[in-house]
């Protein structure tokens, strides 16, 4: 009985050691950290100065934008997200980047820190893109609020905004 328990313990220990995913697969590469730092500087400067032309250069159109639904006149639509083209962005949906909640979070995180960014993965468990969160609706006594999530992908050697979503 003792040998069976020892064998099972060794088996479980080896599974736990060898079954662990290599942590380096989850980490953002040094090159991507440099690109993210450049993106963050450009993004924070553009948001702070309300520079919609600069923001436009940081997007890969079309972007998919959940908070943009607040700018639609017909609130009874069944849309979950809005496909924002370059023209629609230019007309009115650029405003999502200049809202006071995003500006407040940018002011708090003006200095680049890699911990602010979170990789997300594709089906093969490879890093597919990177996102960062900001307060979209502050919490209240009756609701936990909501966060905006800006999704980035590396396109043409630069990080570009591909979408904005909401996390309740």
N, C-alpha and C. Protein backbone atom coordinates (compact mmCIF):
# COMPACT_ATOMS: atom_id res chain seq x y z
N UNK A 1 0.82 -1.18 0.00
CA UNK A 1 0.00 0.00 0.00
C UNK A 1 0.87 1.26 0.00
N UNK A 2 1.93 1.20 0.76
CA UNK A 2 2.84 2.34 0.85
C UNK A 2 3.51 2.63 -0.50
N UNK A 3 3.88 1.60 -1.22
CA UNK A 3 4.53 1.78 -2.52
C UNK A 3 3.55 2.38 -3.54
N UNK A 4 2.28 2.01 -3.43
CA UNK A 4 1.27 2.57 -4.33
C UNK A 4 1.09 4.06 -4.06
N UNK A 5 1.03 4.44 -2.79
CA UNK A 5 0.91 5.85 -2.44
C UNK A 5 2.12 6.64 -2.90
N UNK A 6 3.31 6.07 -2.75
CA UNK A 6 4.54 6.72 -3.20
C UNK A 6 4.52 6.89 -4.72
N UNK A 7 4.10 5.86 -5.43
CA UNK A 7 4.03 5.91 -6.89
C UNK A 7 3.03 6.97 -7.35
N UNK A 8 1.85 7.01 -6.72
CA UNK A 8 0.84 8.01 -7.08
C UNK A 8 1.35 9.41 -6.78
N UNK A 9 1.99 9.59 -5.64
CA UNK A 9 2.55 10.90 -5.29
C UNK A 9 3.58 11.35 -6.31
N UNK A 10 4.48 10.45 -6.69
CA UNK A 10 5.50 10.79 -7.70
C UNK A 10 4.85 11.11 -9.04
N UNK A 11 3.85 10.35 -9.40
CA UNK A 11 3.15 10.59 -10.66
C UNK A 11 2.48 11.96 -10.65
N UNK A 12 1.78 12.30 -9.59
CA UNK A 12 1.12 13.60 -9.50
C UNK A 12 2.14 14.73 -9.48
N UNK A 13 3.25 14.52 -8.79
CA UNK A 13 4.29 15.54 -8.75
C UNK A 13 4.88 15.77 -10.15
N UNK A 14 5.16 14.69 -10.88
CA UNK A 14 5.74 14.85 -12.22
C UNK A 14 4.75 15.50 -13.18
N UNK A 15 3.46 15.18 -13.05
CA UNK A 15 2.45 15.81 -13.89
C UNK A 15 2.38 17.30 -13.59
N UNK A 16 2.45 17.65 -12.31
CA UNK A 16 2.38 19.07 -11.96
C UNK A 16 3.60 19.83 -12.44
N UNK A 17 4.77 19.21 -12.42
CA UNK A 17 5.99 19.88 -12.88
C UNK A 17 6.01 20.00 -14.40
N UNK A 18 5.77 18.90 -15.11
CA UNK A 18 5.87 18.91 -16.57
C UNK A 18 4.60 19.39 -17.25
N UNK A 19 3.51 19.45 -16.52
CA UNK A 19 2.25 19.91 -17.10
C UNK A 19 2.10 21.42 -17.10
N UNK A 20 3.02 22.10 -16.45
CA UNK A 20 2.97 23.56 -16.41
C UNK A 20 3.35 24.14 -17.76
N UNK A 21 2.63 25.14 -18.19
CA UNK A 21 2.96 25.83 -19.43
C UNK A 21 4.19 26.69 -19.19
N UNK A 22 5.03 26.79 -20.18
CA UNK A 22 6.23 27.61 -20.08
C UNK A 22 5.82 29.07 -19.93
N UNK A 23 6.19 29.70 -18.84
CA UNK A 23 5.78 31.08 -18.55
C UNK A 23 6.23 32.04 -19.63
N UNK A 24 7.35 31.77 -20.27
CA UNK A 24 7.85 32.71 -21.28
C UNK A 24 6.91 32.82 -22.47
N UNK A 25 6.06 31.81 -22.69
CA UNK A 25 5.09 31.87 -23.79
C UNK A 25 4.01 32.92 -23.51
N UNK A 26 3.78 33.24 -22.23
CA UNK A 26 2.74 34.19 -21.84
C UNK A 26 3.26 35.61 -21.73
N UNK A 27 4.54 35.79 -21.76
CA UNK A 27 5.12 37.11 -21.52
C UNK A 27 5.22 37.90 -22.82
N UNK A 28 5.15 39.19 -22.67
CA UNK A 28 5.30 40.09 -23.80
C UNK A 28 6.79 40.21 -24.09
N UNK A 29 7.18 40.06 -25.35
CA UNK A 29 8.59 40.08 -25.72
C UNK A 29 9.20 41.47 -25.49
N UNK A 30 10.52 41.50 -25.40
CA UNK A 30 11.23 42.77 -25.18
C UNK A 30 10.97 43.73 -26.35
N UNK A 31 10.95 43.20 -27.57
CA UNK A 31 10.69 44.04 -28.75
C UNK A 31 9.27 44.63 -28.68
N UNK A 32 8.29 43.80 -28.28
CA UNK A 32 6.92 44.29 -28.17
C UNK A 32 6.77 45.31 -27.05
N UNK A 33 7.54 45.17 -26.00
CA UNK A 33 7.51 46.16 -24.91
C UNK A 33 7.96 47.53 -25.42
N UNK A 34 8.97 47.54 -26.27
CA UNK A 34 9.46 48.80 -26.86
C UNK A 34 8.38 49.40 -27.76
N UNK A 35 7.74 48.56 -28.58
CA UNK A 35 6.66 49.03 -29.47
C UNK A 35 5.46 49.53 -28.67
N UNK A 36 5.15 48.85 -27.57
CA UNK A 36 4.04 49.29 -26.71
C UNK A 36 4.35 50.62 -26.05
N UNK A 37 5.60 50.80 -25.65
CA UNK A 37 5.99 52.07 -25.04
C UNK A 37 5.83 53.21 -26.03
N UNK A 38 6.21 52.99 -27.29
CA UNK A 38 6.03 54.00 -28.33
C UNK A 38 4.54 54.26 -28.56
N UNK A 39 3.75 53.18 -28.66
CA UNK A 39 2.30 53.34 -28.84
C UNK A 39 1.72 54.15 -27.69
N UNK A 40 2.08 53.81 -26.45
CA UNK A 40 1.50 54.46 -25.28
C UNK A 40 1.84 55.95 -25.27
N UNK A 41 3.06 56.30 -25.63
CA UNK A 41 3.45 57.71 -25.67
C UNK A 41 2.59 58.45 -26.70
N UNK A 42 2.49 57.87 -27.90
CA UNK A 42 1.69 58.50 -28.96
C UNK A 42 0.21 58.59 -28.56
N UNK A 43 -0.31 57.52 -27.99
CA UNK A 43 -1.72 57.47 -27.61
C UNK A 43 -2.03 58.49 -26.51
N UNK A 44 -1.23 58.50 -25.44
CA UNK A 44 -1.50 59.43 -24.34
C UNK A 44 -1.35 60.88 -24.79
N UNK A 45 -0.37 61.15 -25.64
CA UNK A 45 -0.22 62.52 -26.17
C UNK A 45 -1.44 62.92 -26.99
N UNK A 46 -1.91 62.02 -27.85
CA UNK A 46 -3.05 62.33 -28.72
C UNK A 46 -4.33 62.53 -27.90
N UNK A 47 -4.57 61.68 -26.91
CA UNK A 47 -5.77 61.81 -26.09
C UNK A 47 -5.71 63.09 -25.27
N UNK A 48 -4.58 63.37 -24.68
CA UNK A 48 -4.42 64.58 -23.86
C UNK A 48 -4.66 65.85 -24.67
N UNK A 49 -4.21 65.85 -25.93
CA UNK A 49 -4.33 67.04 -26.77
C UNK A 49 -5.58 67.02 -27.66
N UNK A 50 -6.45 66.03 -27.49
CA UNK A 50 -7.65 65.88 -28.35
C UNK A 50 -7.28 65.86 -29.83
N UNK A 51 -6.23 65.15 -30.16
CA UNK A 51 -5.71 65.09 -31.52
C UNK A 51 -6.32 63.91 -32.27
N UNK A 52 -7.48 64.15 -32.90
CA UNK A 52 -8.18 63.04 -33.57
C UNK A 52 -7.41 62.52 -34.78
N UNK A 53 -6.62 63.35 -35.43
CA UNK A 53 -5.82 62.88 -36.57
C UNK A 53 -4.76 61.89 -36.13
N UNK A 54 -4.14 62.16 -34.98
CA UNK A 54 -3.13 61.24 -34.46
C UNK A 54 -3.78 59.93 -34.01
N UNK A 55 -4.93 60.03 -33.34
CA UNK A 55 -5.65 58.82 -32.93
C UNK A 55 -6.00 57.98 -34.15
N UNK A 56 -6.41 58.64 -35.21
CA UNK A 56 -6.76 57.93 -36.44
C UNK A 56 -5.59 57.11 -36.97
N UNK A 57 -4.37 57.64 -36.85
CA UNK A 57 -3.18 56.90 -37.32
C UNK A 57 -2.86 55.71 -36.42
N UNK A 58 -3.40 55.71 -35.20
CA UNK A 58 -3.14 54.61 -34.26
C UNK A 58 -4.18 53.50 -34.36
N UNK A 59 -5.17 53.66 -35.24
CA UNK A 59 -6.24 52.67 -35.41
C UNK A 59 -6.05 51.88 -36.70
N UNK A 60 -6.48 50.62 -36.68
CA UNK A 60 -6.53 49.79 -37.88
C UNK A 60 -8.01 49.62 -38.22
N UNK A 61 -8.48 50.40 -39.19
CA UNK A 61 -9.90 50.42 -39.53
C UNK A 61 -10.28 49.24 -40.39
N UNK A 62 -11.52 48.76 -40.24
CA UNK A 62 -12.52 49.20 -39.28
C UNK A 62 -12.18 48.70 -37.88
N UNK A 63 -12.56 49.50 -36.87
CA UNK A 63 -12.45 49.04 -35.49
C UNK A 63 -13.86 48.70 -35.01
N UNK A 64 -13.95 47.81 -34.08
CA UNK A 64 -15.24 47.42 -33.52
C UNK A 64 -15.35 48.05 -32.14
N UNK A 65 -16.41 48.82 -31.93
CA UNK A 65 -16.50 49.69 -30.76
C UNK A 65 -17.84 49.53 -30.05
N UNK A 66 -17.82 48.95 -28.88
CA UNK A 66 -19.04 48.81 -28.07
C UNK A 66 -19.45 50.15 -27.44
N UNK A 67 -18.53 50.92 -26.83
CA UNK A 67 -18.96 52.20 -26.25
C UNK A 67 -19.48 53.20 -27.28
N UNK A 68 -19.17 53.01 -28.55
CA UNK A 68 -19.66 53.92 -29.60
C UNK A 68 -21.17 53.84 -29.76
N UNK A 69 -21.78 52.78 -29.26
CA UNK A 69 -23.24 52.65 -29.35
C UNK A 69 -23.95 53.79 -28.61
N UNK A 70 -23.27 54.40 -27.63
CA UNK A 70 -23.87 55.52 -26.90
C UNK A 70 -24.06 56.75 -27.79
N UNK A 71 -23.35 56.81 -28.91
CA UNK A 71 -23.46 57.96 -29.81
C UNK A 71 -24.53 57.77 -30.89
N UNK A 72 -25.16 56.61 -30.92
CA UNK A 72 -26.21 56.35 -31.91
C UNK A 72 -27.51 57.01 -31.46
N UNK A 73 -28.18 57.64 -32.39
CA UNK A 73 -29.44 58.31 -32.06
C UNK A 73 -30.55 57.31 -31.77
N UNK A 74 -30.61 56.22 -32.55
CA UNK A 74 -31.64 55.21 -32.36
C UNK A 74 -31.17 54.21 -31.30
N UNK A 75 -31.57 54.42 -30.06
CA UNK A 75 -31.12 53.58 -28.94
C UNK A 75 -31.81 52.21 -28.92
N UNK A 76 -32.82 51.99 -29.75
CA UNK A 76 -33.56 50.73 -29.73
C UNK A 76 -32.97 49.67 -30.66
N UNK A 77 -31.80 49.90 -31.19
CA UNK A 77 -31.22 48.91 -32.09
C UNK A 77 -30.72 47.71 -31.29
N UNK A 78 -30.59 46.59 -31.96
CA UNK A 78 -30.13 45.36 -31.32
C UNK A 78 -28.63 45.14 -31.52
N UNK A 79 -27.92 46.18 -31.84
CA UNK A 79 -26.48 46.05 -32.07
C UNK A 79 -25.75 45.73 -30.78
N UNK A 80 -24.72 44.91 -30.89
CA UNK A 80 -23.87 44.57 -29.76
C UNK A 80 -22.61 45.41 -29.80
N UNK A 81 -22.15 45.69 -31.00
CA UNK A 81 -20.98 46.52 -31.22
C UNK A 81 -21.18 47.27 -32.53
N UNK A 82 -20.37 48.26 -32.74
CA UNK A 82 -20.50 49.07 -33.95
C UNK A 82 -19.22 48.96 -34.76
N UNK A 83 -19.37 48.68 -36.05
CA UNK A 83 -18.22 48.63 -36.95
C UNK A 83 -17.94 50.06 -37.41
N UNK A 84 -16.81 50.61 -36.94
CA UNK A 84 -16.48 52.00 -37.20
C UNK A 84 -15.43 52.07 -38.32
N UNK A 85 -15.84 52.61 -39.45
CA UNK A 85 -14.92 52.81 -40.56
C UNK A 85 -14.16 54.13 -40.35
N UNK A 86 -13.19 54.36 -41.20
CA UNK A 86 -12.41 55.60 -41.12
C UNK A 86 -13.33 56.82 -41.26
N UNK A 87 -14.30 56.76 -42.18
CA UNK A 87 -15.22 57.89 -42.38
C UNK A 87 -16.13 58.11 -41.17
N UNK A 88 -16.69 57.03 -40.61
CA UNK A 88 -17.54 57.17 -39.42
C UNK A 88 -16.74 57.70 -38.24
N UNK A 89 -15.51 57.24 -38.12
CA UNK A 89 -14.64 57.73 -37.05
C UNK A 89 -14.45 59.24 -37.18
N UNK A 90 -14.16 59.67 -38.39
CA UNK A 90 -13.90 61.10 -38.65
C UNK A 90 -15.12 61.96 -38.31
N UNK A 91 -16.32 61.42 -38.57
CA UNK A 91 -17.54 62.21 -38.36
C UNK A 91 -17.90 62.36 -36.88
N UNK A 92 -17.89 61.25 -36.11
CA UNK A 92 -18.34 61.41 -34.73
C UNK A 92 -17.77 60.42 -33.73
N UNK A 93 -17.33 59.27 -34.16
CA UNK A 93 -16.96 58.23 -33.20
C UNK A 93 -15.56 58.40 -32.60
N UNK A 94 -14.82 59.39 -33.05
CA UNK A 94 -13.53 59.71 -32.44
C UNK A 94 -13.73 60.16 -31.00
N UNK A 95 -14.93 60.64 -30.67
CA UNK A 95 -15.23 61.19 -29.35
C UNK A 95 -15.00 60.19 -28.23
N UNK A 96 -15.10 58.89 -28.55
CA UNK A 96 -14.92 57.87 -27.52
C UNK A 96 -13.52 57.96 -26.89
N UNK A 97 -12.55 58.47 -27.62
CA UNK A 97 -11.18 58.58 -27.11
C UNK A 97 -10.97 59.84 -26.28
N UNK A 98 -11.91 60.74 -26.27
CA UNK A 98 -11.74 62.00 -25.56
C UNK A 98 -12.70 62.16 -24.39
N UNK A 99 -13.32 61.06 -23.97
CA UNK A 99 -14.22 61.13 -22.83
C UNK A 99 -13.42 61.28 -21.54
N UNK A 100 -14.03 61.93 -20.57
CA UNK A 100 -13.32 62.28 -19.33
C UNK A 100 -12.82 61.06 -18.57
N UNK A 101 -13.52 59.93 -18.63
CA UNK A 101 -13.09 58.74 -17.90
C UNK A 101 -11.78 58.20 -18.46
N UNK A 102 -11.67 58.13 -19.77
CA UNK A 102 -10.43 57.66 -20.38
C UNK A 102 -9.29 58.64 -20.09
N UNK A 103 -9.57 59.91 -20.20
CA UNK A 103 -8.55 60.93 -19.91
C UNK A 103 -8.06 60.83 -18.47
N UNK A 104 -8.98 60.57 -17.55
CA UNK A 104 -8.60 60.44 -16.13
C UNK A 104 -7.68 59.25 -15.91
N UNK A 105 -8.00 58.11 -16.55
CA UNK A 105 -7.14 56.94 -16.40
C UNK A 105 -5.78 57.16 -17.06
N UNK A 106 -5.77 57.83 -18.18
CA UNK A 106 -4.50 58.12 -18.85
C UNK A 106 -3.64 59.02 -17.98
N UNK A 107 -4.27 59.97 -17.33
CA UNK A 107 -3.53 60.86 -16.44
C UNK A 107 -2.89 60.07 -15.29
N UNK A 108 -3.63 59.06 -14.78
CA UNK A 108 -3.09 58.22 -13.70
C UNK A 108 -1.95 57.34 -14.18
N UNK A 109 -2.01 56.92 -15.44
CA UNK A 109 -1.02 55.98 -16.00
C UNK A 109 -0.18 56.65 -17.08
N UNK A 110 0.09 57.92 -16.91
CA UNK A 110 0.86 58.67 -17.92
C UNK A 110 2.21 58.00 -18.18
N UNK A 111 2.85 57.57 -17.11
CA UNK A 111 4.14 56.90 -17.25
C UNK A 111 3.91 55.46 -17.69
N UNK A 112 4.65 55.01 -18.67
CA UNK A 112 4.49 53.67 -19.22
C UNK A 112 4.90 52.60 -18.19
N UNK A 113 4.01 51.65 -17.95
CA UNK A 113 4.33 50.46 -17.17
C UNK A 113 3.73 49.26 -17.89
N UNK A 114 4.51 48.23 -18.06
CA UNK A 114 4.08 47.06 -18.81
C UNK A 114 2.94 46.33 -18.11
N UNK A 115 2.82 46.49 -16.78
CA UNK A 115 1.76 45.81 -16.04
C UNK A 115 0.37 46.31 -16.42
N UNK A 116 0.27 47.44 -17.05
CA UNK A 116 -1.00 48.00 -17.49
C UNK A 116 -1.57 47.24 -18.69
N UNK A 117 -0.71 46.51 -19.41
CA UNK A 117 -1.09 45.81 -20.63
C UNK A 117 -1.23 44.32 -20.36
N UNK A 118 -2.22 43.71 -21.02
CA UNK A 118 -2.52 42.30 -20.82
C UNK A 118 -2.60 41.58 -22.16
N UNK A 119 -1.80 40.54 -22.36
CA UNK A 119 -1.91 39.80 -23.62
C UNK A 119 -3.20 38.97 -23.65
N UNK A 120 -3.73 38.78 -24.85
CA UNK A 120 -4.82 37.83 -25.03
C UNK A 120 -4.39 36.85 -26.11
N UNK A 121 -5.03 35.68 -26.13
CA UNK A 121 -4.51 34.55 -26.86
C UNK A 121 -5.48 34.04 -27.90
N UNK A 122 -4.93 33.38 -28.94
CA UNK A 122 -5.76 32.74 -29.96
C UNK A 122 -5.99 31.28 -29.56
N UNK A 123 -6.61 30.52 -30.42
CA UNK A 123 -6.95 29.12 -30.12
C UNK A 123 -5.71 28.27 -29.87
N UNK A 124 -4.60 28.62 -30.48
CA UNK A 124 -3.37 27.84 -30.31
C UNK A 124 -2.59 28.27 -29.07
N UNK A 125 -3.18 29.13 -28.26
CA UNK A 125 -2.58 29.63 -27.01
C UNK A 125 -1.33 30.48 -27.26
N UNK A 126 -1.29 31.14 -28.41
CA UNK A 126 -0.22 32.10 -28.69
C UNK A 126 -0.76 33.51 -28.48
N UNK A 127 0.11 34.42 -28.11
CA UNK A 127 -0.33 35.80 -27.92
C UNK A 127 -0.87 36.32 -29.25
N UNK A 128 -2.12 36.76 -29.24
CA UNK A 128 -2.77 37.27 -30.45
C UNK A 128 -2.80 38.79 -30.48
N UNK A 129 -2.88 39.38 -29.31
CA UNK A 129 -2.93 40.83 -29.19
C UNK A 129 -2.74 41.23 -27.75
N UNK A 130 -2.88 42.51 -27.51
CA UNK A 130 -2.68 43.05 -26.18
C UNK A 130 -3.81 44.03 -25.91
N UNK A 131 -4.25 44.10 -24.68
CA UNK A 131 -5.32 45.02 -24.33
C UNK A 131 -4.95 45.79 -23.07
N UNK A 132 -5.65 46.89 -22.87
CA UNK A 132 -5.56 47.60 -21.60
C UNK A 132 -6.96 48.07 -21.22
N UNK A 133 -7.17 48.19 -19.93
CA UNK A 133 -8.48 48.54 -19.39
C UNK A 133 -8.47 49.96 -18.85
N UNK A 134 -9.65 50.57 -18.88
CA UNK A 134 -9.83 51.87 -18.26
C UNK A 134 -11.25 51.95 -17.70
N UNK A 135 -11.47 52.82 -16.75
CA UNK A 135 -12.79 52.98 -16.15
C UNK A 135 -13.70 53.69 -17.14
N UNK A 136 -14.77 53.01 -17.53
CA UNK A 136 -15.73 53.59 -18.46
C UNK A 136 -16.90 54.21 -17.68
N UNK A 137 -17.42 53.45 -16.71
CA UNK A 137 -18.48 53.95 -15.84
C UNK A 137 -18.02 53.65 -14.41
N UNK A 138 -17.80 54.68 -13.62
CA UNK A 138 -17.32 54.45 -12.25
C UNK A 138 -18.33 53.65 -11.42
N UNK A 139 -17.86 52.89 -10.46
CA UNK A 139 -18.78 52.13 -9.60
C UNK A 139 -19.62 53.06 -8.74
N UNK A 140 -20.78 52.56 -8.36
CA UNK A 140 -21.68 53.32 -7.48
C UNK A 140 -22.14 52.39 -6.35
N UNK A 141 -23.02 52.86 -5.52
CA UNK A 141 -23.53 52.02 -4.43
C UNK A 141 -24.37 50.87 -4.95
N UNK A 142 -24.97 51.02 -6.13
CA UNK A 142 -25.87 50.00 -6.65
C UNK A 142 -25.30 49.20 -7.83
N UNK A 143 -24.11 49.57 -8.31
CA UNK A 143 -23.56 48.89 -9.49
C UNK A 143 -22.05 48.93 -9.45
N UNK A 144 -21.42 47.86 -9.90
CA UNK A 144 -19.96 47.80 -9.88
C UNK A 144 -19.30 48.63 -10.96
N UNK A 145 -20.09 49.19 -11.87
CA UNK A 145 -19.54 50.01 -12.94
C UNK A 145 -19.15 49.17 -14.15
N UNK A 146 -18.39 49.76 -15.05
CA UNK A 146 -17.95 49.06 -16.25
C UNK A 146 -16.58 49.57 -16.65
N UNK A 147 -15.83 48.69 -17.29
CA UNK A 147 -14.52 49.07 -17.80
C UNK A 147 -14.54 49.01 -19.32
N UNK A 148 -13.80 49.93 -19.91
CA UNK A 148 -13.55 49.86 -21.34
C UNK A 148 -12.28 49.04 -21.55
N UNK A 149 -12.25 48.28 -22.62
CA UNK A 149 -11.07 47.47 -22.94
C UNK A 149 -10.64 47.79 -24.36
N UNK A 150 -9.48 48.39 -24.50
CA UNK A 150 -8.94 48.74 -25.81
C UNK A 150 -8.05 47.59 -26.27
N UNK A 151 -8.37 47.03 -27.44
CA UNK A 151 -7.60 45.90 -28.00
C UNK A 151 -6.60 46.41 -29.02
N UNK A 152 -5.39 45.88 -28.93
CA UNK A 152 -4.31 46.24 -29.84
C UNK A 152 -3.79 45.00 -30.53
N UNK A 153 -3.37 45.16 -31.76
CA UNK A 153 -2.68 44.09 -32.48
C UNK A 153 -1.46 44.69 -33.16
N UNK A 154 -0.43 43.87 -33.31
CA UNK A 154 0.77 44.34 -34.00
C UNK A 154 0.54 44.19 -35.50
N UNK A 155 0.53 45.33 -36.19
CA UNK A 155 0.26 45.37 -37.62
C UNK A 155 1.34 46.22 -38.27
N UNK A 156 2.05 45.66 -39.19
CA UNK A 156 3.10 46.41 -39.88
C UNK A 156 4.19 46.90 -38.94
N UNK A 157 4.49 46.12 -37.91
CA UNK A 157 5.56 46.48 -36.99
C UNK A 157 5.19 47.53 -35.96
N UNK A 158 3.88 47.84 -35.84
CA UNK A 158 3.41 48.82 -34.85
C UNK A 158 2.16 48.27 -34.20
N UNK A 159 1.91 48.69 -32.97
CA UNK A 159 0.66 48.33 -32.34
C UNK A 159 -0.42 49.30 -32.78
N UNK A 160 -1.57 48.72 -33.18
CA UNK A 160 -2.71 49.51 -33.65
C UNK A 160 -3.95 49.11 -32.88
N UNK A 161 -4.85 50.05 -32.69
CA UNK A 161 -6.12 49.79 -32.02
C UNK A 161 -7.04 49.06 -33.00
N UNK A 162 -7.57 47.92 -32.58
CA UNK A 162 -8.48 47.16 -33.43
C UNK A 162 -9.89 47.12 -32.87
N UNK A 163 -10.06 47.53 -31.62
CA UNK A 163 -11.40 47.50 -31.06
C UNK A 163 -11.44 48.07 -29.66
N UNK A 164 -12.66 48.41 -29.25
CA UNK A 164 -12.93 48.86 -27.89
C UNK A 164 -14.17 48.13 -27.43
N UNK A 165 -14.07 47.50 -26.29
CA UNK A 165 -15.18 46.72 -25.77
C UNK A 165 -15.51 47.19 -24.36
N UNK A 166 -16.54 46.62 -23.78
CA UNK A 166 -16.93 46.94 -22.41
C UNK A 166 -16.91 45.66 -21.58
N UNK A 167 -16.44 45.79 -20.36
CA UNK A 167 -16.44 44.69 -19.42
C UNK A 167 -17.25 45.14 -18.20
N UNK A 168 -18.43 44.52 -18.02
CA UNK A 168 -19.26 44.96 -16.88
C UNK A 168 -18.65 44.53 -15.55
